[in-house]
């Protein structure tokens, strides 16, 4: 479950960061993070598509925290 939480956090963290980068014209960073999003997605899709409700809730919790921390990091870096 920890691994599932982390991969969900990572993917949504990168999406939040990437959204900020795109909105603010940070082209190179957006390209690099976009690659990371797609790579993280390849690990997540198989695990959650056939997951239980408990796994879905853990995944969603990781995604929730990933959103907040991605926004915080974008504001801190830039």
PDB file of N, CA and C in Angstrom:
ATOM      1  N   UNK A   1       0.819  -1.197   0.000  1.00  0.00           N
ATOM      2  CA  UNK A   1       0.000   0.000   0.000  1.00  0.00           C
ATOM      3  C   UNK A   1       0.866   1.266   0.000  1.00  0.00           C
ATOM      4  N   UNK A   2       2.016   1.209   0.682  1.00  0.00           N
ATOM      5  CA  UNK A   2       2.907   2.376   0.704  1.00  0.00           C
ATOM      6  C   UNK A   2       3.408   2.695  -0.702  1.00  0.00           C
ATOM      7  N   UNK A   3       3.742   1.673  -1.430  1.00  0.00           N
ATOM      8  CA  UNK A   3       4.230   1.853  -2.792  1.00  0.00           C
ATOM      9  C   UNK A   3       3.143   2.449  -3.691  1.00  0.00           C
ATOM     10  N   UNK A   4       1.922   1.972  -3.528  1.00  0.00           N
ATOM     11  CA  UNK A   4       0.794   2.491  -4.304  1.00  0.00           C
ATOM     12  C   UNK A   4       0.551   3.961  -3.970  1.00  0.00           C
ATOM     13  N   UNK A   5       0.588   4.297  -2.690  1.00  0.00           N
ATOM     14  CA  UNK A   5       0.421   5.682  -2.256  1.00  0.00           C
ATOM     15  C   UNK A   5       1.513   6.555  -2.868  1.00  0.00           C
ATOM     16  N   UNK A   6       2.754   6.091  -2.803  1.00  0.00           N
ATOM     17  CA  UNK A   6       3.866   6.882  -3.318  1.00  0.00           C
ATOM     18  C   UNK A   6       3.760   7.113  -4.818  1.00  0.00           C
ATOM     19  N   UNK A   7       3.423   6.069  -5.581  1.00  0.00           N
ATOM     20  CA  UNK A   7       3.354   6.257  -7.030  1.00  0.00           C
ATOM     21  C   UNK A   7       2.200   7.182  -7.411  1.00  0.00           C
ATOM     22  N   UNK A   8       1.097   7.132  -6.672  1.00  0.00           N
ATOM     23  CA  UNK A   8      -0.008   8.071  -6.921  1.00  0.00           C
ATOM     24  C   UNK A   8       0.433   9.486  -6.577  1.00  0.00           C
ATOM     25  N   UNK A   9       1.089   9.636  -5.431  1.00  0.00           N
ATOM     26  CA  UNK A   9       1.588  10.954  -5.028  1.00  0.00           C
ATOM     27  C   UNK A   9       2.529  11.502  -6.096  1.00  0.00           C
ATOM     28  N   UNK A  10       3.459  10.677  -6.548  1.00  0.00           N
ATOM     29  CA  UNK A  10       4.449  11.116  -7.528  1.00  0.00           C
ATOM     30  C   UNK A  10       3.791  11.596  -8.813  1.00  0.00           C
ATOM     31  N   UNK A  11       2.851  10.817  -9.322  1.00  0.00           N
ATOM     32  CA  UNK A  11       2.233  11.179 -10.588  1.00  0.00           C
ATOM     33  C   UNK A  11       1.474  12.501 -10.481  1.00  0.00           C
ATOM     34  N   UNK A  12       0.663  12.656  -9.463  1.00  0.00           N
ATOM     35  CA  UNK A  12      -0.133  13.875  -9.352  1.00  0.00           C
ATOM     36  C   UNK A  12       0.733  15.060  -8.922  1.00  0.00           C
ATOM     37  N   UNK A  13       1.757  14.825  -8.144  1.00  0.00           N
ATOM     38  CA  UNK A  13       2.739  15.853  -7.816  1.00  0.00           C
ATOM     39  C   UNK A  13       3.337  16.423  -9.103  1.00  0.00           C
ATOM     40  N   UNK A  14       3.726  15.539 -10.007  1.00  0.00           N
ATOM     41  CA  UNK A  14       4.304  15.975 -11.267  1.00  0.00           C
ATOM     42  C   UNK A  14       3.285  16.701 -12.141  1.00  0.00           C
ATOM     43  N   UNK A  15       2.040  16.245 -12.123  1.00  0.00           N
ATOM     44  CA  UNK A  15       0.990  16.917 -12.903  1.00  0.00           C
ATOM     45  C   UNK A  15       0.763  18.330 -12.374  1.00  0.00           C
ATOM     46  N   UNK A  16       0.690  18.494 -11.068  1.00  0.00           N
ATOM     47  CA  UNK A  16       0.491  19.826 -10.489  1.00  0.00           C
ATOM     48  C   UNK A  16       1.673  20.738 -10.820  1.00  0.00           C
ATOM     49  N   UNK A  17       2.870  20.221 -10.684  1.00  0.00           N
ATOM     50  CA  UNK A  17       4.072  20.983 -11.014  1.00  0.00           C
ATOM     51  C   UNK A  17       4.064  21.355 -12.498  1.00  0.00           C
ATOM     52  N   UNK A  18       3.739  20.385 -13.354  1.00  0.00           N
ATOM     53  CA  UNK A  18       3.733  20.613 -14.793  1.00  0.00           C
ATOM     54  C   UNK A  18       2.681  21.632 -15.207  1.00  0.00           C
ATOM     55  N   UNK A  19       1.527  21.584 -14.591  1.00  0.00           N
ATOM     56  CA  UNK A  19       0.467  22.551 -14.894  1.00  0.00           C
ATOM     57  C   UNK A  19       0.953  23.964 -14.607  1.00  0.00           C
ATOM     58  N   UNK A  20       1.609  24.134 -13.479  1.00  0.00           N
ATOM     59  CA  UNK A  20       2.151  25.445 -13.123  1.00  0.00           C
ATOM     60  C   UNK A  20       3.208  25.872 -14.130  1.00  0.00           C
ATOM     61  N   UNK A  21       4.089  24.927 -14.496  1.00  0.00           N
ATOM     62  CA  UNK A  21       5.142  25.250 -15.447  1.00  0.00           C
ATOM     63  C   UNK A  21       4.564  25.681 -16.798  1.00  0.00           C
ATOM     64  N   UNK A  22       3.573  24.972 -17.274  1.00  0.00           N
ATOM     65  CA  UNK A  22       2.953  25.309 -18.559  1.00  0.00           C
ATOM     66  C   UNK A  22       2.293  26.680 -18.476  1.00  0.00           C
ATOM     67  N   UNK A  23       1.559  26.924 -17.419  1.00  0.00           N
ATOM     68  CA  UNK A  23       0.854  28.204 -17.260  1.00  0.00           C
ATOM     69  C   UNK A  23       1.809  29.386 -17.167  1.00  0.00           C
ATOM     70  N   UNK A  24       3.037  29.117 -16.732  1.00  0.00           N
ATOM     71  CA  UNK A  24       4.001  30.194 -16.537  1.00  0.00           C
ATOM     72  C   UNK A  24       5.161  30.166 -17.530  1.00  0.00           C
ATOM     73  N   UNK A  25       4.997  29.412 -18.599  1.00  0.00           N
ATOM     74  CA  UNK A  25       5.967  29.416 -19.684  1.00  0.00           C
ATOM     75  C   UNK A  25       7.325  28.831 -19.366  1.00  0.00           C
ATOM     76  N   UNK A  26       7.401  27.886 -18.467  1.00  0.00           N
ATOM     77  CA  UNK A  26       8.677  27.232 -18.125  1.00  0.00           C
ATOM     78  C   UNK A  26       8.844  26.011 -19.031  1.00  0.00           C
ATOM     79  N   UNK A  27       9.232  26.268 -20.282  1.00  0.00           N
ATOM     80  CA  UNK A  27       9.200  25.273 -21.343  1.00  0.00           C
ATOM     81  C   UNK A  27      10.068  24.045 -21.066  1.00  0.00           C
ATOM     82  N   UNK A  28      11.327  24.241 -20.753  1.00  0.00           N
ATOM     83  CA  UNK A  28      12.241  23.110 -20.553  1.00  0.00           C
ATOM     84  C   UNK A  28      11.798  22.263 -19.363  1.00  0.00           C
ATOM     85  N   UNK A  29      11.474  22.916 -18.260  1.00  0.00           N
ATOM     86  CA  UNK A  29      10.989  22.177 -17.094  1.00  0.00           C
ATOM     87  C   UNK A  29       9.720  21.406 -17.402  1.00  0.00           C
ATOM     88  N   UNK A  30       8.821  22.012 -18.179  1.00  0.00           N
ATOM     89  CA  UNK A  30       7.562  21.352 -18.532  1.00  0.00           C
ATOM     90  C   UNK A  30       7.804  20.104 -19.371  1.00  0.00           C
ATOM     91  N   UNK A  31       8.778  20.165 -20.265  1.00  0.00           N
ATOM     92  CA  UNK A  31       9.093  18.986 -21.079  1.00  0.00           C
ATOM     93  C   UNK A  31       9.636  17.851 -20.213  1.00  0.00           C
ATOM     94  N   UNK A  32      10.555  18.183 -19.321  1.00  0.00           N
ATOM     95  CA  UNK A  32      11.153  17.151 -18.463  1.00  0.00           C
ATOM     96  C   UNK A  32      10.124  16.527 -17.527  1.00  0.00           C
ATOM     97  N   UNK A  33       9.316  17.365 -16.919  1.00  0.00           N
ATOM     98  CA  UNK A  33       8.303  16.853 -15.994  1.00  0.00           C
ATOM     99  C   UNK A  33       7.235  16.076 -16.750  1.00  0.00           C
ATOM    100  N   UNK A  34       6.900  16.511 -17.963  1.00  0.00           N
ATOM    101  CA  UNK A  34       5.942  15.780 -18.786  1.00  0.00           C
ATOM    102  C   UNK A  34       6.397  14.353 -19.055  1.00  0.00           C
ATOM    103  N   UNK A  35       7.685  14.177 -19.294  1.00  0.00           N
ATOM    104  CA  UNK A  35       8.238  12.832 -19.461  1.00  0.00           C
ATOM    105  C   UNK A  35       8.056  12.023 -18.177  1.00  0.00           C
ATOM    106  N   UNK A  36       8.343  12.649 -17.045  1.00  0.00           N
ATOM    107  CA  UNK A  36       8.191  11.965 -15.754  1.00  0.00           C
ATOM    108  C   UNK A  36       6.752  11.548 -15.479  1.00  0.00           C
ATOM    109  N   UNK A  37       5.796  12.384 -15.880  1.00  0.00           N
ATOM    110  CA  UNK A  37       4.379  12.050 -15.693  1.00  0.00           C
ATOM    111  C   UNK A  37       4.042  10.776 -16.460  1.00  0.00           C
ATOM    112  N   UNK A  38       4.448  10.730 -17.705  1.00  0.00           N
ATOM    113  CA  UNK A  38       4.134   9.565 -18.531  1.00  0.00           C
ATOM    114  C   UNK A  38       4.804   8.306 -18.007  1.00  0.00           C
ATOM    115  N   UNK A  39       6.023   8.443 -17.536  1.00  0.00           N
ATOM    116  CA  UNK A  39       6.723   7.285 -16.981  1.00  0.00           C
ATOM    117  C   UNK A  39       6.029   6.789 -15.713  1.00  0.00           C
ATOM    118  N   UNK A  40       5.660   7.707 -14.834  1.00  0.00           N
ATOM    119  CA  UNK A  40       4.954   7.311 -13.605  1.00  0.00           C
ATOM    120  C   UNK A  40       3.622   6.650 -13.944  1.00  0.00           C
ATOM    121  N   UNK A  41       2.945   7.153 -14.956  1.00  0.00           N
ATOM    122  CA  UNK A  41       1.646   6.597 -15.352  1.00  0.00           C
ATOM    123  C   UNK A  41       1.776   5.134 -15.753  1.00  0.00           C
ATOM    124  N   UNK A  42       2.879   4.783 -16.421  1.00  0.00           N
ATOM    125  CA  UNK A  42       3.047   3.399 -16.850  1.00  0.00           C
ATOM    126  C   UNK A  42       3.128   2.437 -15.665  1.00  0.00           C
ATOM    127  N   UNK A  43       3.607   2.925 -14.529  1.00  0.00           N
ATOM    128  CA  UNK A  43       3.662   2.082 -13.334  1.00  0.00           C
ATOM    129  C   UNK A  43       2.311   2.019 -12.632  1.00  0.00           C
ATOM    130  N   UNK A  44       1.554   3.107 -12.693  1.00  0.00           N
ATOM    131  CA  UNK A  44       0.296   3.190 -11.955  1.00  0.00           C
ATOM    132  C   UNK A  44      -0.867   2.469 -12.612  1.00  0.00           C
ATOM    133  N   UNK A  45      -0.959   2.501 -13.914  1.00  0.00           N
ATOM    134  CA  UNK A  45      -2.167   2.049 -14.593  1.00  0.00           C
ATOM    135  C   UNK A  45      -2.490   0.585 -14.332  1.00  0.00           C
ATOM    136  N   UNK A  46      -1.500  -0.279 -14.387  1.00  0.00           N
ATOM    137  CA  UNK A  46      -1.763  -1.699 -14.156  1.00  0.00           C
ATOM    138  C   UNK A  46      -2.167  -1.965 -12.712  1.00  0.00           C
ATOM    139  N   UNK A  47      -1.589  -1.218 -11.799  1.00  0.00           N
ATOM    140  CA  UNK A  47      -1.823  -1.490 -10.380  1.00  0.00           C
ATOM    141  C   UNK A  47      -3.208  -1.068  -9.932  1.00  0.00           C
ATOM    142  N   UNK A  48      -3.711   0.043 -10.443  1.00  0.00           N
ATOM    143  CA  UNK A  48      -4.969   0.563  -9.930  1.00  0.00           C
ATOM    144  C   UNK A  48      -6.171   0.110 -10.748  1.00  0.00           C
ATOM    145  N   UNK A  49      -5.976  -0.260 -11.997  1.00  0.00           N
ATOM    146  CA  UNK A  49      -7.091  -0.642 -12.863  1.00  0.00           C
ATOM    147  C   UNK A  49      -7.862  -1.834 -12.306  1.00  0.00           C
ATOM    148  N   UNK A  50      -7.168  -2.738 -11.671  1.00  0.00           N
ATOM    149  CA  UNK A  50      -7.837  -3.913 -11.111  1.00  0.00           C
ATOM    150  C   UNK A  50      -7.729  -3.942  -9.582  1.00  0.00           C
ATOM    151  N   UNK A  51      -7.541  -2.783  -8.989  1.00  0.00           N
ATOM    152  CA  UNK A  51      -7.351  -2.696  -7.545  1.00  0.00           C
ATOM    153  C   UNK A  51      -8.645  -2.796  -6.751  1.00  0.00           C
ATOM    154  N   UNK A  52      -8.503  -3.057  -5.489  1.00  0.00           N
ATOM    155  CA  UNK A  52      -9.635  -3.112  -4.560  1.00  0.00           C
ATOM    156  C   UNK A  52     -10.035  -1.697  -4.159  1.00  0.00           C
ATOM    157  N   UNK A  53     -11.146  -1.591  -3.429  1.00  0.00           N
ATOM    158  CA  UNK A  53     -11.561  -0.266  -2.948  1.00  0.00           C
ATOM    159  C   UNK A  53     -10.525   0.327  -2.000  1.00  0.00           C
ATOM    160  N   UNK A  54      -9.921  -0.496  -1.176  1.00  0.00           N
ATOM    161  CA  UNK A  54      -8.888   0.000  -0.253  1.00  0.00           C
ATOM    162  C   UNK A  54      -7.716   0.577  -1.044  1.00  0.00           C
ATOM    163  N   UNK A  55      -7.302  -0.119  -2.096  1.00  0.00           N
ATOM    164  CA  UNK A  55      -6.195   0.367  -2.922  1.00  0.00           C
ATOM    165  C   UNK A  55      -6.581   1.654  -3.660  1.00  0.00           C
ATOM    166  N   UNK A  56      -7.807   1.740  -4.099  1.00  0.00           N
ATOM    167  CA  UNK A  56      -8.269   2.958  -4.764  1.00  0.00           C
ATOM    168  C   UNK A  56      -8.266   4.150  -3.818  1.00  0.00           C
ATOM    169  N   UNK A  57      -8.655   3.917  -2.566  1.00  0.00           N
ATOM    170  CA  UNK A  57      -8.648   4.998  -1.577  1.00  0.00           C
ATOM    171  C   UNK A  57      -7.222   5.435  -1.235  1.00  0.00           C
ATOM    172  N   UNK A  58      -6.321   4.481  -1.121  1.00  0.00           N
ATOM    173  CA  UNK A  58      -4.913   4.804  -0.864  1.00  0.00           C
ATOM    174  C   UNK A  58      -4.346   5.591  -2.037  1.00  0.00           C
ATOM    175  N   UNK A  59      -4.641   5.147  -3.253  1.00  0.00           N
ATOM    176  CA  UNK A  59      -4.167   5.831  -4.453  1.00  0.00           C
ATOM    177  C   UNK A  59      -4.704   7.265  -4.500  1.00  0.00           C
ATOM    178  N   UNK A  60      -5.980   7.423  -4.228  1.00  0.00           N
ATOM    179  CA  UNK A  60      -6.598   8.753  -4.251  1.00  0.00           C
ATOM    180  C   UNK A  60      -6.020   9.664  -3.177  1.00  0.00           C
ATOM    181  N   UNK A  61      -5.700   9.117  -2.025  1.00  0.00           N
ATOM    182  CA  UNK A  61      -5.079   9.908  -0.960  1.00  0.00           C
ATOM    183  C   UNK A  61      -3.693  10.388  -1.370  1.00  0.00           C
ATOM    184  N   UNK A  62      -2.935   9.510  -1.996  1.00  0.00           N
ATOM    185  CA  UNK A  62      -1.625   9.906  -2.499  1.00  0.00           C
ATOM    186  C   UNK A  62      -1.743  10.992  -3.551  1.00  0.00           C
ATOM    187  N   UNK A  63      -2.735  10.859  -4.419  1.00  0.00           N
ATOM    188  CA  UNK A  63      -2.958  11.868  -5.456  1.00  0.00           C
ATOM    189  C   UNK A  63      -3.333  13.214  -4.841  1.00  0.00           C
ATOM    190  N   UNK A  64      -4.145  13.190  -3.820  1.00  0.00           N
ATOM    191  CA  UNK A  64      -4.560  14.412  -3.135  1.00  0.00           C
ATOM    192  C   UNK A  64      -3.344  15.151  -2.571  1.00  0.00           C
ATOM    193  N   UNK A  65      -2.489  14.440  -1.875  1.00  0.00           N
ATOM    194  CA  UNK A  65      -1.295  15.067  -1.310  1.00  0.00           C
ATOM    195  C   UNK A  65      -0.296  15.467  -2.392  1.00  0.00           C
ATOM    196  N   UNK A  66      -0.277  14.732  -3.488  1.00  0.00           N
ATOM    197  CA  UNK A  66       0.590  15.082  -4.604  1.00  0.00           C
ATOM    198  C   UNK A  66       0.209  16.419  -5.217  1.00  0.00           C
ATOM    199  N   UNK A  67      -1.074  16.699  -5.292  1.00  0.00           N
ATOM    200  CA  UNK A  67      -1.538  17.975  -5.826  1.00  0.00           C
ATOM    201  C   UNK A  67      -1.002  19.133  -4.990  1.00  0.00           C
ATOM    202  N   UNK A  68      -1.202  19.049  -3.691  1.00  0.00           N
ATOM    203  CA  UNK A  68      -0.753  20.115  -2.804  1.00  0.00           C
ATOM    204  C   UNK A  68       0.745  20.294  -2.812  1.00  0.00           C
ATOM    205  N   UNK A  69       1.492  19.208  -2.756  1.00  0.00           N
ATOM    206  CA  UNK A  69       2.944  19.339  -2.699  1.00  0.00           C
ATOM    207  C   UNK A  69       3.520  19.766  -4.049  1.00  0.00           C
ATOM    208  N   UNK A  70       2.877  19.410  -5.148  1.00  0.00           N
ATOM    209  CA  UNK A  70       3.332  19.881  -6.458  1.00  0.00           C
ATOM    210  C   UNK A  70       3.185  21.378  -6.593  1.00  0.00           C
ATOM    211  N   UNK A  71       2.070  21.905  -6.135  1.00  0.00           N
ATOM    212  CA  UNK A  71       1.850  23.359  -6.163  1.00  0.00           C
ATOM    213  C   UNK A  71       2.849  24.065  -5.249  1.00  0.00           C
ATOM    214  N   UNK A  72       3.056  23.515  -4.066  1.00  0.00           N
ATOM    215  CA  UNK A  72       4.022  24.127  -3.138  1.00  0.00           C
ATOM    216  C   UNK A  72       5.429  24.157  -3.719  1.00  0.00           C
ATOM    217  N   UNK A  73       5.861  23.052  -4.333  1.00  0.00           N
ATOM    218  CA  UNK A  73       7.196  23.019  -4.888  1.00  0.00           C
ATOM    219  C   UNK A  73       7.340  24.004  -6.047  1.00  0.00           C
ATOM    220  N   UNK A  74       6.334  24.085  -6.908  1.00  0.00           N
ATOM    221  CA  UNK A  74       6.390  25.029  -8.028  1.00  0.00           C
ATOM    222  C   UNK A  74       6.545  26.444  -7.527  1.00  0.00           C
ATOM    223  N   UNK A  75       5.795  26.809  -6.505  1.00  0.00           N
ATOM    224  CA  UNK A  75       5.907  28.152  -5.957  1.00  0.00           C
ATOM    225  C   UNK A  75       7.258  28.379  -5.278  1.00  0.00           C
ATOM    226  N   UNK A  76       7.813  27.360  -4.684  1.00  0.00           N
ATOM    227  CA  UNK A  76       9.095  27.484  -4.002  1.00  0.00           C
ATOM    228  C   UNK A  76      10.246  27.605  -5.014  1.00  0.00           C
ATOM    229  N   UNK A  77      10.207  26.784  -6.071  1.00  0.00           N
ATOM    230  CA  UNK A  77      11.284  26.787  -7.076  1.00  0.00           C
ATOM    231  C   UNK A  77      11.286  28.082  -7.881  1.00  0.00           C
ATOM    232  N   UNK A  78      10.102  28.475  -8.327  1.00  0.00           N
ATOM    233  CA  UNK A  78      10.034  29.610  -9.242  1.00  0.00           C
ATOM    234  C   UNK A  78       9.647  30.869  -8.507  1.00  0.00           C
TER     235      UNK A  78
END
